[in-house]
Amino acid sequence: MPKFMSSHTMPAGALQREQVNQLAQAAQNDPTVRPYRSFLNLSEGKIFCIMEAPDQQALAAWFQKMKMPCDYITPVELEGERGVVKEA
């Protein structure tokens, strides 16, 4: 399934750790999307997610269902970790 990265901006401190856990659990149990990796700074209200989904529209619909504001969603073409870059 293709990977997509998304950016989310919320008011600083608006999202609590328990809510993050609930979102993660919802993604783990969803038949359409799959969580891959997330980076969060709750005190600044910044969230970046990498998720697998059939297409951008399916992922956008999932974020909307979860009431998670979304700045953008874009396909991942290359993936790098610790200086090693490969096809996504």
PDB file of N, CA and C in Angstrom:
ATOM      1  N   MET A   1       0.847  -1.167   0.000  1.00  0.00           N
ATOM      2  CA  MET A   1       0.000   0.000   0.000  1.00  0.00           C
ATOM      3  C   MET A   1       0.900   1.241   0.000  1.00  0.00           C
ATOM      4  N   PRO A   2       0.528   2.287  -0.738  1.00  0.00           N
ATOM      5  CA  PRO A   2       1.349   3.502  -0.793  1.00  0.00           C
ATOM      6  C   PRO A   2       1.441   4.203   0.564  1.00  0.00           C
ATOM      7  N   LYS A   3       2.565   4.920   0.751  1.00  0.00           N
ATOM      8  CA  LYS A   3       2.766   5.701   1.969  1.00  0.00           C
ATOM      9  C   LYS A   3       2.525   7.174   1.653  1.00  0.00           C
ATOM     10  N   PHE A   4       1.974   7.871   2.641  1.00  0.00           N
ATOM     11  CA  PHE A   4       1.725   9.302   2.528  1.00  0.00           C
ATOM     12  C   PHE A   4       2.223   9.980   3.789  1.00  0.00           C
ATOM     13  N   MET A   5       2.768  11.195   3.630  1.00  0.00           N
ATOM     14  CA  MET A   5       3.139  11.965   4.800  1.00  0.00           C
ATOM     15  C   MET A   5       2.153  13.123   4.918  1.00  0.00           C
ATOM     16  N   SER A   6       1.856  13.448   6.173  1.00  0.00           N
ATOM     17  CA  SER A   6       0.902  14.519   6.419  1.00  0.00           C
ATOM     18  C   SER A   6       1.418  15.415   7.528  1.00  0.00           C
ATOM     19  N   SER A   7       0.965  16.656   7.471  1.00  0.00           N
ATOM     20  CA  SER A   7       1.317  17.649   8.480  1.00  0.00           C
ATOM     21  C   SER A   7       0.027  18.138   9.119  1.00  0.00           C
ATOM     22  N   HIS A   8       0.091  18.346  10.429  1.00  0.00           N
ATOM     23  CA  HIS A   8      -1.076  18.775  11.191  1.00  0.00           C
ATOM     24  C   HIS A   8      -0.646  19.870  12.163  1.00  0.00           C
ATOM     25  N   THR A   9      -1.399  20.954  12.202  1.00  0.00           N
ATOM     26  CA  THR A   9      -1.133  22.038  13.136  1.00  0.00           C
ATOM     27  C   THR A   9      -2.368  22.248  13.989  1.00  0.00           C
ATOM     28  N   MET A  10      -2.141  22.253  15.290  1.00  0.00           N
ATOM     29  CA  MET A  10      -3.220  22.469  16.245  1.00  0.00           C
ATOM     30  C   MET A  10      -2.764  23.551  17.213  1.00  0.00           C
ATOM     31  N   PRO A  11      -3.694  24.119  17.967  1.00  0.00           N
ATOM     32  CA  PRO A  11      -3.244  25.062  19.008  1.00  0.00           C
ATOM     33  C   PRO A  11      -2.298  24.358  19.980  1.00  0.00           C
ATOM     34  N   ALA A  12      -1.298  25.069  20.430  1.00  0.00           N
ATOM     35  CA  ALA A  12      -0.325  24.502  21.368  1.00  0.00           C
ATOM     36  C   ALA A  12      -1.038  23.913  22.575  1.00  0.00           C
ATOM     37  N   GLY A  13      -0.719  22.658  22.887  1.00  0.00           N
ATOM     38  CA  GLY A  13      -1.293  21.976  24.041  1.00  0.00           C
ATOM     39  C   GLY A  13      -2.716  21.496  23.868  1.00  0.00           C
ATOM     40  N   ALA A  14      -3.305  21.662  22.690  1.00  0.00           N
ATOM     41  CA  ALA A  14      -4.707  21.263  22.487  1.00  0.00           C
ATOM     42  C   ALA A  14      -4.892  19.750  22.470  1.00  0.00           C
ATOM     43  N   LEU A  15      -3.885  19.034  22.061  1.00  0.00           N
ATOM     44  CA  LEU A  15      -3.956  17.574  21.991  1.00  0.00           C
ATOM     45  C   LEU A  15      -3.170  16.984  23.147  1.00  0.00           C
ATOM     46  N   GLN A  16      -3.800  16.091  23.876  1.00  0.00           N
ATOM     47  CA  GLN A  16      -3.171  15.460  25.034  1.00  0.00           C
ATOM     48  C   GLN A  16      -2.672  14.065  24.659  1.00  0.00           C
ATOM     49  N   ARG A  17      -1.767  13.531  25.452  1.00  0.00           N
ATOM     50  CA  ARG A  17      -1.176  12.214  25.177  1.00  0.00           C
ATOM     51  C   ARG A  17      -2.240  11.131  25.074  1.00  0.00           C
ATOM     52  N   GLU A  18      -3.250  11.161  25.923  1.00  0.00           N
ATOM     53  CA  GLU A  18      -4.311  10.145  25.871  1.00  0.00           C
ATOM     54  C   GLU A  18      -5.050  10.199  24.536  1.00  0.00           C
ATOM     55  N   GLN A  19      -5.258  11.399  24.006  1.00  0.00           N
ATOM     56  CA  GLN A  19      -5.899  11.530  22.699  1.00  0.00           C
ATOM     57  C   GLN A  19      -5.002  10.966  21.594  1.00  0.00           C
ATOM     58  N   VAL A  20      -3.709  11.171  21.726  1.00  0.00           N
ATOM     59  CA  VAL A  20      -2.755  10.600  20.764  1.00  0.00           C
ATOM     60  C   VAL A  20      -2.857   9.079  20.794  1.00  0.00           C
ATOM     61  N   ASN A  21      -2.905   8.520  21.990  1.00  0.00           N
ATOM     62  CA  ASN A  21      -3.032   7.065  22.124  1.00  0.00           C
ATOM     63  C   ASN A  21      -4.321   6.566  21.474  1.00  0.00           C
ATOM     64  N   GLN A  22      -5.411   7.305  21.641  1.00  0.00           N
ATOM     65  CA  GLN A  22      -6.689   6.915  21.038  1.00  0.00           C
ATOM     66  C   GLN A  22      -6.628   6.975  19.516  1.00  0.00           C
ATOM     67  N   LEU A  23      -5.999   8.010  18.978  1.00  0.00           N
ATOM     68  CA  LEU A  23      -5.833   8.107  17.526  1.00  0.00           C
ATOM     69  C   LEU A  23      -4.981   6.962  16.995  1.00  0.00           C
ATOM     70  N   ALA A  24      -3.895   6.656  17.706  1.00  0.00           N
ATOM     71  CA  ALA A  24      -3.017   5.561  17.279  1.00  0.00           C
ATOM     72  C   ALA A  24      -3.775   4.238  17.289  1.00  0.00           C
ATOM     73  N   GLN A  25      -4.555   4.005  18.320  1.00  0.00           N
ATOM     74  CA  GLN A  25      -5.340   2.768  18.413  1.00  0.00           C
ATOM     75  C   GLN A  25      -6.370   2.693  17.286  1.00  0.00           C
ATOM     76  N   ALA A  26      -7.012   3.816  16.989  1.00  0.00           N
ATOM     77  CA  ALA A  26      -7.993   3.856  15.903  1.00  0.00           C
ATOM     78  C   ALA A  26      -7.329   3.525  14.571  1.00  0.00           C
ATOM     79  N   ALA A  27      -6.125   4.052  14.341  1.00  0.00           N
ATOM     80  CA  ALA A  27      -5.414   3.764  13.096  1.00  0.00           C
ATOM     81  C   ALA A  27      -5.013   2.293  13.025  1.00  0.00           C
ATOM     82  N   GLN A  28      -4.585   1.726  14.153  1.00  0.00           N
ATOM     83  CA  GLN A  28      -4.181   0.318  14.175  1.00  0.00           C
ATOM     84  C   GLN A  28      -5.348  -0.608  13.854  1.00  0.00           C
ATOM     85  N   ASN A  29      -6.557  -0.184  14.211  1.00  0.00           N
ATOM     86  CA  ASN A  29      -7.737  -1.031  14.028  1.00  0.00           C
ATOM     87  C   ASN A  29      -8.533  -0.701  12.774  1.00  0.00           C
ATOM     88  N   ASP A  30      -8.096   0.272  11.997  1.00  0.00           N
ATOM     89  CA  ASP A  30      -8.851   0.689  10.814  1.00  0.00           C
ATOM     90  C   ASP A  30      -8.576  -0.249   9.640  1.00  0.00           C
ATOM     91  N   PRO A  31      -9.612  -0.623   8.897  1.00  0.00           N
ATOM     92  CA  PRO A  31      -9.404  -1.526   7.755  1.00  0.00           C
ATOM     93  C   PRO A  31      -8.829  -0.847   6.514  1.00  0.00           C
ATOM     94  N   THR A  32      -8.833   0.493   6.485  1.00  0.00           N
ATOM     95  CA  THR A  32      -8.413   1.217   5.281  1.00  0.00           C
ATOM     96  C   THR A  32      -7.012   1.803   5.390  1.00  0.00           C
ATOM     97  N   VAL A  33      -6.664   2.378   6.536  1.00  0.00           N
ATOM     98  CA  VAL A  33      -5.356   3.009   6.699  1.00  0.00           C
ATOM     99  C   VAL A  33      -4.508   2.208   7.680  1.00  0.00           C
ATOM    100  N   ARG A  34      -3.186   2.383   7.558  1.00  0.00           N
ATOM    101  CA  ARG A  34      -2.258   1.731   8.495  1.00  0.00           C
ATOM    102  C   ARG A  34      -1.235   2.753   8.960  1.00  0.00           C
ATOM    103  N   PRO A  35      -1.032   2.860  10.266  1.00  0.00           N
ATOM    104  CA  PRO A  35      -0.015   3.785  10.752  1.00  0.00           C
ATOM    105  C   PRO A  35       1.383   3.243  10.440  1.00  0.00           C
ATOM    106  N   TYR A  36       2.311   4.143  10.179  1.00  0.00           N
ATOM    107  CA  TYR A  36       3.684   3.748   9.891  1.00  0.00           C
ATOM    108  C   TYR A  36       4.646   4.418  10.868  1.00  0.00           C
ATOM    109  N   ARG A  37       4.607   5.760  10.935  1.00  0.00           N
ATOM    110  CA  ARG A  37       5.483   6.486  11.849  1.00  0.00           C
ATOM    111  C   ARG A  37       4.902   7.882  12.081  1.00  0.00           C
ATOM    112  N   SER A  38       5.084   8.398  13.290  1.00  0.00           N
ATOM    113  CA  SER A  38       4.594   9.733  13.624  1.00  0.00           C
ATOM    114  C   SER A  38       5.652  10.478  14.423  1.00  0.00           C
ATOM    115  N   PHE A  39       5.639  11.796  14.281  1.00  0.00           N
ATOM    116  CA  PHE A  39       6.503  12.680  15.046  1.00  0.00           C
ATOM    117  C   PHE A  39       5.612  13.786  15.601  1.00  0.00           C
ATOM    118  N   LEU A  40       5.647  13.986  16.911  1.00  0.00           N
ATOM    119  CA  LEU A  40       4.741  14.934  17.540  1.00  0.00           C
ATOM    120  C   LEU A  40       5.463  15.870  18.496  1.00  0.00           C
ATOM    121  N   ASN A  41       5.018  17.109  18.508  1.00  0.00           N
ATOM    122  CA  ASN A  41       5.418  18.060  19.536  1.00  0.00           C
ATOM    123  C   ASN A  41       4.118  18.685  20.031  1.00  0.00           C
ATOM    124  N   LEU A  42       3.537  18.101  21.073  1.00  0.00           N
ATOM    125  CA  LEU A  42       2.236  18.527  21.552  1.00  0.00           C
ATOM    126  C   LEU A  42       2.280  19.929  22.139  1.00  0.00           C
ATOM    127  N   SER A  43       3.386  20.297  22.767  1.00  0.00           N
ATOM    128  CA  SER A  43       3.470  21.622  23.379  1.00  0.00           C
ATOM    129  C   SER A  43       3.474  22.734  22.325  1.00  0.00           C
ATOM    130  N   GLU A  44       3.877  22.418  21.089  1.00  0.00           N
ATOM    131  CA  GLU A  44       3.835  23.398  19.996  1.00  0.00           C
ATOM    132  C   GLU A  44       2.693  23.126  19.020  1.00  0.00           C
ATOM    133  N   GLY A  45       1.986  22.011  19.185  1.00  0.00           N
ATOM    134  CA  GLY A  45       0.859  21.703  18.309  1.00  0.00           C
ATOM    135  C   GLY A  45       1.253  21.271  16.913  1.00  0.00           C
ATOM    136  N   LYS A  46       2.394  20.600  16.780  1.00  0.00           N
ATOM    137  CA  LYS A  46       2.886  20.154  15.472  1.00  0.00           C
ATOM    138  C   LYS A  46       2.928  18.629  15.419  1.00  0.00           C
ATOM    139  N   ILE A  47       2.359  18.070  14.355  1.00  0.00           N
ATOM    140  CA  ILE A  47       2.323  16.620  14.186  1.00  0.00           C
ATOM    141  C   ILE A  47       2.649  16.299  12.727  1.00  0.00           C
ATOM    142  N   PHE A  48       3.524  15.310  12.539  1.00  0.00           N
ATOM    143  CA  PHE A  48       3.845  14.805  11.210  1.00  0.00           C
ATOM    144  C   PHE A  48       3.623  13.304  11.230  1.00  0.00           C
ATOM    145  N   CYS A  49       2.886  12.805  10.261  1.00  0.00           N
ATOM    146  CA  CYS A  49       2.560  11.375  10.211  1.00  0.00           C
ATOM    147  C   CYS A  49       2.997  10.787   8.883  1.00  0.00           C
ATOM    148  N   ILE A  50       3.416   9.545   8.943  1.00  0.00           N
ATOM    149  CA  ILE A  50       3.592   8.729   7.743  1.00  0.00           C
ATOM    150  C   ILE A  50       2.596   7.586   7.909  1.00  0.00           C
ATOM    151  N   MET A  51       1.698   7.469   6.950  1.00  0.00           N
ATOM    152  CA  MET A  51       0.681   6.420   7.022  1.00  0.00           C
ATOM    153  C   MET A  51       0.521   5.765   5.661  1.00  0.00           C
ATOM    154  N   GLU A  52       0.077   4.527   5.676  1.00  0.00           N
ATOM    155  CA  GLU A  52      -0.238   3.813   4.444  1.00  0.00           C
ATOM    156  C   GLU A  52      -1.745   3.904   4.220  1.00  0.00           C
ATOM    157  N   ALA A  53      -2.115   4.103   2.970  1.00  0.00           N
ATOM    158  CA  ALA A  53      -3.526   4.190   2.602  1.00  0.00           C
ATOM    159  C   ALA A  53      -3.645   3.882   1.117  1.00  0.00           C
ATOM    160  N   PRO A  54      -4.824   3.480   0.670  1.00  0.00           N
ATOM    161  CA  PRO A  54      -4.985   3.199  -0.764  1.00  0.00           C
ATOM    162  C   PRO A  54      -4.718   4.433  -1.631  1.00  0.00           C
ATOM    163  N   ASP A  55      -5.099   5.632  -1.126  1.00  0.00           N
ATOM    164  CA  ASP A  55      -4.884   6.877  -1.860  1.00  0.00           C
ATOM    165  C   ASP A  55      -5.017   8.057  -0.901  1.00  0.00           C
ATOM    166  N   GLN A  56      -4.688   9.246  -1.390  1.00  0.00           N
ATOM    167  CA  GLN A  56      -4.738  10.444  -0.556  1.00  0.00           C
ATOM    168  C   GLN A  56      -6.140  10.726  -0.038  1.00  0.00           C
ATOM    169  N   GLN A  57      -7.144  10.490  -0.867  1.00  0.00           N
ATOM    170  CA  GLN A  57      -8.511  10.774  -0.480  1.00  0.00           C
ATOM    171  C   GLN A  57      -8.953   9.897   0.692  1.00  0.00           C
ATOM    172  N   ALA A  58      -8.541   8.636   0.690  1.00  0.00           N
ATOM    173  CA  ALA A  58      -8.897   7.735   1.792  1.00  0.00           C
ATOM    174  C   ALA A  58      -8.260   8.203   3.089  1.00  0.00           C
ATOM    175  N   LEU A  59      -7.017   8.658   3.025  1.00  0.00           N
ATOM    176  CA  LEU A  59      -6.344   9.143   4.226  1.00  0.00           C
ATOM    177  C   LEU A  59      -6.976  10.454   4.701  1.00  0.00           C
ATOM    178  N   ALA A  60      -7.281  11.351   3.771  1.00  0.00           N
ATOM    179  CA  ALA A  60      -7.941  12.612   4.136  1.00  0.00           C
ATOM    180  C   ALA A  60      -9.287  12.332   4.805  1.00  0.00           C
ATOM    181  N   ALA A  61     -10.028  11.364   4.286  1.00  0.00           N
ATOM    182  CA  ALA A  61     -11.324  11.003   4.879  1.00  0.00           C
ATOM    183  C   ALA A  61     -11.134  10.449   6.290  1.00  0.00           C
ATOM    184  N   TRP A  62     -10.067   9.673   6.502  1.00  0.00           N
ATOM    185  CA  TRP A  62      -9.814   9.123   7.839  1.00  0.00           C
ATOM    186  C   TRP A  62      -9.492  10.240   8.824  1.00  0.00           C
ATOM    187  N   PHE A  63      -8.634  11.189   8.428  1.00  0.00           N
ATOM    188  CA  PHE A  63      -8.318  12.309   9.319  1.00  0.00           C
ATOM    189  C   PHE A  63      -9.575  13.122   9.626  1.00  0.00           C
ATOM    190  N   GLN A  64     -10.411  13.310   8.628  1.00  0.00           N
ATOM    191  CA  GLN A  64     -11.657  14.059   8.846  1.00  0.00           C
ATOM    192  C   GLN A  64     -12.561  13.305   9.829  1.00  0.00           C
ATOM    193  N   LYS A  65     -12.662  12.000   9.657  1.00  0.00           N
ATOM    194  CA  LYS A  65     -13.465  11.175  10.567  1.00  0.00           C
ATOM    195  C   LYS A  65     -12.941  11.267  11.996  1.00  0.00           C
ATOM    196  N   MET A  66     -11.628  11.368  12.142  1.00  0.00           N
ATOM    197  CA  MET A  66     -11.003  11.463  13.460  1.00  0.00           C
ATOM    198  C   MET A  66     -10.979  12.898  13.998  1.00  0.00           C
ATOM    199  N   LYS A  67     -11.544  13.836  13.207  1.00  0.00           N
ATOM    200  CA  LYS A  67     -11.564  15.257  13.587  1.00  0.00           C
ATOM    201  C   LYS A  67     -10.151  15.805  13.826  1.00  0.00           C
ATOM    202  N   MET A  68      -9.241  15.380  12.963  1.00  0.00           N
ATOM    203  CA  MET A  68      -7.845  15.795  13.038  1.00  0.00           C
ATOM    204  C   MET A  68      -7.571  16.784  11.914  1.00  0.00           C
ATOM    205  N   PRO A  69      -7.323  18.064  12.238  1.00  0.00           N
ATOM    206  CA  PRO A  69      -7.030  19.032  11.182  1.00  0.00           C
ATOM    207  C   PRO A  69      -5.780  18.620  10.409  1.00  0.00           C
ATOM    208  N   CYS A  70      -5.804  18.861   9.111  1.00  0.00           N
ATOM    209  CA  CYS A  70      -4.703  18.409   8.255  1.00  0.00           C
ATOM    210  C   CYS A  70      -4.260  19.548   7.348  1.00  0.00           C
ATOM    211  N   ASP A  71      -2.967  19.903   7.434  1.00  0.00           N
ATOM    212  CA  ASP A  71      -2.417  20.957   6.582  1.00  0.00           C
ATOM    213  C   ASP A  71      -2.211  20.456   5.157  1.00  0.00           C
ATOM    214  N   TYR A  72      -1.654  19.266   5.042  1.00  0.00           N
ATOM    215  CA  TYR A  72      -1.449  18.676   3.712  1.00  0.00           C
ATOM    216  C   TYR A  72      -1.193  17.182   3.828  1.00  0.00           C
ATOM    217  N   ILE A  73      -1.390  16.505   2.705  1.00  0.00           N
ATOM    218  CA  ILE A  73      -1.059  15.084   2.550  1.00  0.00           C
ATOM    219  C   ILE A  73      -0.335  14.972   1.213  1.00  0.00           C
ATOM    220  N   THR A  74       0.808  14.296   1.206  1.00  0.00           N
ATOM    221  CA  THR A  74       1.568  14.127  -0.031  1.00  0.00           C
ATOM    222  C   THR A  74       2.154  12.715  -0.084  1.00  0.00           C
ATOM    223  N   PRO A  75       2.240  12.129  -1.276  1.00  0.00           N
ATOM    224  CA  PRO A  75       2.820  10.787  -1.384  1.00  0.00           C
ATOM    225  C   PRO A  75       4.303  10.785  -1.020  1.00  0.00           C
ATOM    226  N   VAL A  76       4.762   9.693  -0.444  1.00  0.00           N
ATOM    227  CA  VAL A  76       6.175   9.499  -0.128  1.00  0.00           C
ATOM    228  C   VAL A  76       6.818   8.788  -1.321  1.00  0.00           C
ATOM    229  N   GLU A  77       7.852   9.379  -1.880  1.00  0.00           N
ATOM    230  CA  GLU A  77       8.573   8.765  -2.994  1.00  0.00           C
ATOM    231  C   GLU A  77       9.848   8.075  -2.519  1.00  0.00           C
ATOM    232  N   LEU A  78      10.586   8.757  -1.636  1.00  0.00           N
ATOM    233  CA  LEU A  78      11.829   8.227  -1.107  1.00  0.00           C
ATOM    234  C   LEU A  78      11.755   8.240   0.412  1.00  0.00           C
ATOM    235  N   GLU A  79      12.435   7.286   1.012  1.00  0.00           N
ATOM    236  CA  GLU A  79      12.435   7.166   2.463  1.00  0.00           C
ATOM    237  C   GLU A  79      13.869   7.030   2.935  1.00  0.00           C
ATOM    238  N   GLY A  80      14.255   7.864   3.887  1.00  0.00           N
ATOM    239  CA  GLY A  80      15.613   7.810   4.397  1.00  0.00           C
ATOM    240  C   GLY A  80      15.642   7.603   5.894  1.00  0.00           C
ATOM    241  N   GLU A  81      16.648   6.886   6.326  1.00  0.00           N
ATOM    242  CA  GLU A  81      16.847   6.687   7.757  1.00  0.00           C
ATOM    243  C   GLU A  81      18.339   6.607   8.018  1.00  0.00           C
ATOM    244  N   ARG A  82      18.814   7.489   8.893  1.00  0.00           N
ATOM    245  CA  ARG A  82      20.222   7.531   9.293  1.00  0.00           C
ATOM    246  C   ARG A  82      21.165   7.625   8.095  1.00  0.00           C
ATOM    247  N   GLY A  83      20.761   8.438   7.104  1.00  0.00           N
ATOM    248  CA  GLY A  83      21.618   8.691   5.954  1.00  0.00           C
ATOM    249  C   GLY A  83      21.487   7.703   4.810  1.00  0.00           C
ATOM    250  N   VAL A  84      20.631   6.692   4.955  1.00  0.00           N
ATOM    251  CA  VAL A  84      20.411   5.722   3.882  1.00  0.00           C
ATOM    252  C   VAL A  84      19.037   5.997   3.274  1.00  0.00           C
ATOM    253  N   VAL A  85      19.030   6.305   1.980  1.00  0.00           N
ATOM    254  CA  VAL A  85      17.792   6.651   1.283  1.00  0.00           C
ATOM    255  C   VAL A  85      17.447   5.555   0.298  1.00  0.00           C
ATOM    256  N   LYS A  86      16.157   5.161   0.296  1.00  0.00           N
ATOM    257  CA  LYS A  86      15.703   4.106  -0.623  1.00  0.00           C
ATOM    258  C   LYS A  86      14.338   4.472  -1.161  1.00  0.00           C
ATOM    259  N   GLU A  87      13.893   3.747  -2.161  1.00  0.00           N
ATOM    260  CA  GLU A  87      12.547   3.932  -2.698  1.00  0.00           C
ATOM    261  C   GLU A  87      11.550   3.577  -1.602  1.00  0.00           C
ATOM    262  N   ALA A  88      10.461   4.338  -1.560  1.00  0.00           N
ATOM    263  CA  ALA A  88       9.443   4.099  -0.533  1.00  0.00           C
ATOM    264  C   ALA A  88       8.595   2.882  -0.872  1.00  0.00           C
TER     265      ALA A  88
END
